[in-house]
Amino acid sequence: MRRRWKFTLVRHFGDKEKAKALFSGITPLTAEDIAECITFAVTRPHHVNIDEMLVRPLDQANVLSINRRTS
């Protein structure tokens, strides 16, 4: 979130309140979330092959909009 925060601060010309408001109510993925996924993958039995794992937060953003959960 740190890089996103810096970009947002520049985007809002240093206005910290506007920058914080943009991401309020959003729960980003954490390092612990990803570590848990990796632990799951490497602790599968030898006959299990995990080729790909796609991990996304429920709260997502793109260039034009931010999708927040309502509950």
C-alpha atoms as a PDB file:
ATOM      1  CA  MET A   1       0.000   0.000   0.000  1.00  0.00           C
ATOM      2  CA  ARG A   2       2.975   2.278   0.518  1.00  0.00           C
ATOM      3  CA  ARG A   3       3.665   2.785  -3.209  1.00  0.00           C
ATOM      4  CA  ARG A   4      -0.005   3.310  -3.932  1.00  0.00           C
ATOM      5  CA  TRP A   5      -0.143   5.853  -1.119  1.00  0.00           C
ATOM      6  CA  LYS A   6       2.788   7.840  -2.547  1.00  0.00           C
ATOM      7  CA  PHE A   7       1.288   7.879  -6.037  1.00  0.00           C
ATOM      8  CA  THR A   8      -2.076   8.982  -4.652  1.00  0.00           C
ATOM      9  CA  LEU A   9      -0.453  11.745  -2.634  1.00  0.00           C
ATOM     10  CA  VAL A  10       1.218  13.090  -5.798  1.00  0.00           C
ATOM     11  CA  ARG A  11      -2.022  12.666  -7.742  1.00  0.00           C
ATOM     12  CA  HIS A  12      -3.840  14.867  -5.200  1.00  0.00           C
ATOM     13  CA  PHE A  13      -1.023  17.463  -5.129  1.00  0.00           C
ATOM     14  CA  GLY A  14       0.040  16.621  -1.579  1.00  0.00           C
ATOM     15  CA  ASP A  15      -3.458  16.749  -0.062  1.00  0.00           C
ATOM     16  CA  LYS A  16      -3.182  13.943   2.504  1.00  0.00           C
ATOM     17  CA  GLU A  17      -6.899  13.941   3.374  1.00  0.00           C
ATOM     18  CA  LYS A  18      -7.972  13.444  -0.247  1.00  0.00           C
ATOM     19  CA  ALA A  19      -5.323  10.766  -0.737  1.00  0.00           C
ATOM     20  CA  LYS A  20      -6.437   8.856   2.376  1.00  0.00           C
ATOM     21  CA  ALA A  21     -10.114   9.159   1.440  1.00  0.00           C
ATOM     22  CA  LEU A  22      -9.506   7.451  -1.894  1.00  0.00           C
ATOM     23  CA  PHE A  23      -8.542   4.182  -0.197  1.00  0.00           C
ATOM     24  CA  SER A  24     -10.785   4.365   2.858  1.00  0.00           C
ATOM     25  CA  GLY A  25     -12.885   1.258   3.322  1.00  0.00           C
ATOM     26  CA  ILE A  26     -10.575  -0.878   1.179  1.00  0.00           C
ATOM     27  CA  THR A  27      -8.781  -3.937   2.522  1.00  0.00           C
ATOM     28  CA  PRO A  28      -5.676  -4.685   0.423  1.00  0.00           C
ATOM     29  CA  LEU A  29      -3.936  -8.038   0.238  1.00  0.00           C
ATOM     30  CA  THR A  30      -1.181  -8.350   2.816  1.00  0.00           C
ATOM     31  CA  ALA A  31       2.123 -10.175   2.814  1.00  0.00           C
ATOM     32  CA  GLU A  32       0.554 -12.639   5.249  1.00  0.00           C
ATOM     33  CA  ASP A  33      -2.256 -13.388   2.764  1.00  0.00           C
ATOM     34  CA  ILE A  34       0.248 -14.270   0.058  1.00  0.00           C
ATOM     35  CA  ALA A  35       2.439 -16.243   2.488  1.00  0.00           C
ATOM     36  CA  GLU A  36      -0.597 -18.308   3.472  1.00  0.00           C
ATOM     37  CA  CYS A  37      -1.290 -19.103  -0.198  1.00  0.00           C
ATOM     38  CA  ILE A  38       2.325 -20.138  -0.761  1.00  0.00           C
ATOM     39  CA  THR A  39       2.269 -22.308   2.368  1.00  0.00           C
ATOM     40  CA  PHE A  40      -0.888 -24.001   1.112  1.00  0.00           C
ATOM     41  CA  ALA A  41       0.706 -24.715  -2.276  1.00  0.00           C
ATOM     42  CA  VAL A  42       3.991 -26.124  -0.952  1.00  0.00           C
ATOM     43  CA  THR A  43       2.347 -28.334   1.655  1.00  0.00           C
ATOM     44  CA  ARG A  44       0.179 -30.294  -0.800  1.00  0.00           C
ATOM     45  CA  PRO A  45       0.919 -34.012  -1.203  1.00  0.00           C
ATOM     46  CA  HIS A  46       3.516 -34.946  -3.833  1.00  0.00           C
ATOM     47  CA  HIS A  47       0.855 -36.126  -6.270  1.00  0.00           C
ATOM     48  CA  VAL A  48      -0.801 -32.677  -6.339  1.00  0.00           C
ATOM     49  CA  ASN A  49       0.456 -30.217  -8.953  1.00  0.00           C
ATOM     50  CA  ILE A  50      -0.564 -26.578  -8.601  1.00  0.00           C
ATOM     51  CA  ASP A  51       0.354 -24.944 -11.905  1.00  0.00           C
ATOM     52  CA  GLU A  52      -1.190 -21.557 -11.270  1.00  0.00           C
ATOM     53  CA  MET A  53      -2.735 -19.612  -8.434  1.00  0.00           C
ATOM     54  CA  LEU A  54      -4.540 -16.325  -8.976  1.00  0.00           C
ATOM     55  CA  VAL A  55      -5.034 -14.260  -5.836  1.00  0.00           C
ATOM     56  CA  ARG A  56      -7.067 -11.064  -5.916  1.00  0.00           C
ATOM     57  CA  PRO A  57      -8.545  -8.890  -3.193  1.00  0.00           C
ATOM     58  CA  LEU A  58     -12.306  -8.498  -3.010  1.00  0.00           C
ATOM     59  CA  ASP A  59     -11.765  -4.731  -3.099  1.00  0.00           C
ATOM     60  CA  GLN A  60     -10.269  -4.011  -6.508  1.00  0.00           C
ATOM     61  CA  ALA A  61      -9.293  -0.921  -8.431  1.00  0.00           C
ATOM     62  CA  ASN A  62      -8.461   0.039 -11.972  1.00  0.00           C
ATOM     63  CA  VAL A  63      -7.478   3.343 -13.555  1.00  0.00           C
ATOM     64  CA  LEU A  64     -11.039   4.698 -13.579  1.00  0.00           C
ATOM     65  CA  SER A  65     -12.788   3.207 -10.570  1.00  0.00           C
ATOM     66  CA  ILE A  66     -12.498   1.414  -7.239  1.00  0.00           C
ATOM     67  CA  ASN A  67     -14.798  -1.506  -6.445  1.00  0.00           C
ATOM     68  CA  ARG A  68     -15.564  -1.546  -2.718  1.00  0.00           C
ATOM     69  CA  ARG A  69     -17.503  -4.209  -0.832  1.00  0.00           C
ATOM     70  CA  THR A  70     -20.773  -2.980   0.574  1.00  0.00           C
ATOM     71  CA  SER A  71     -20.749  -5.168   3.675  1.00  0.00           C
END
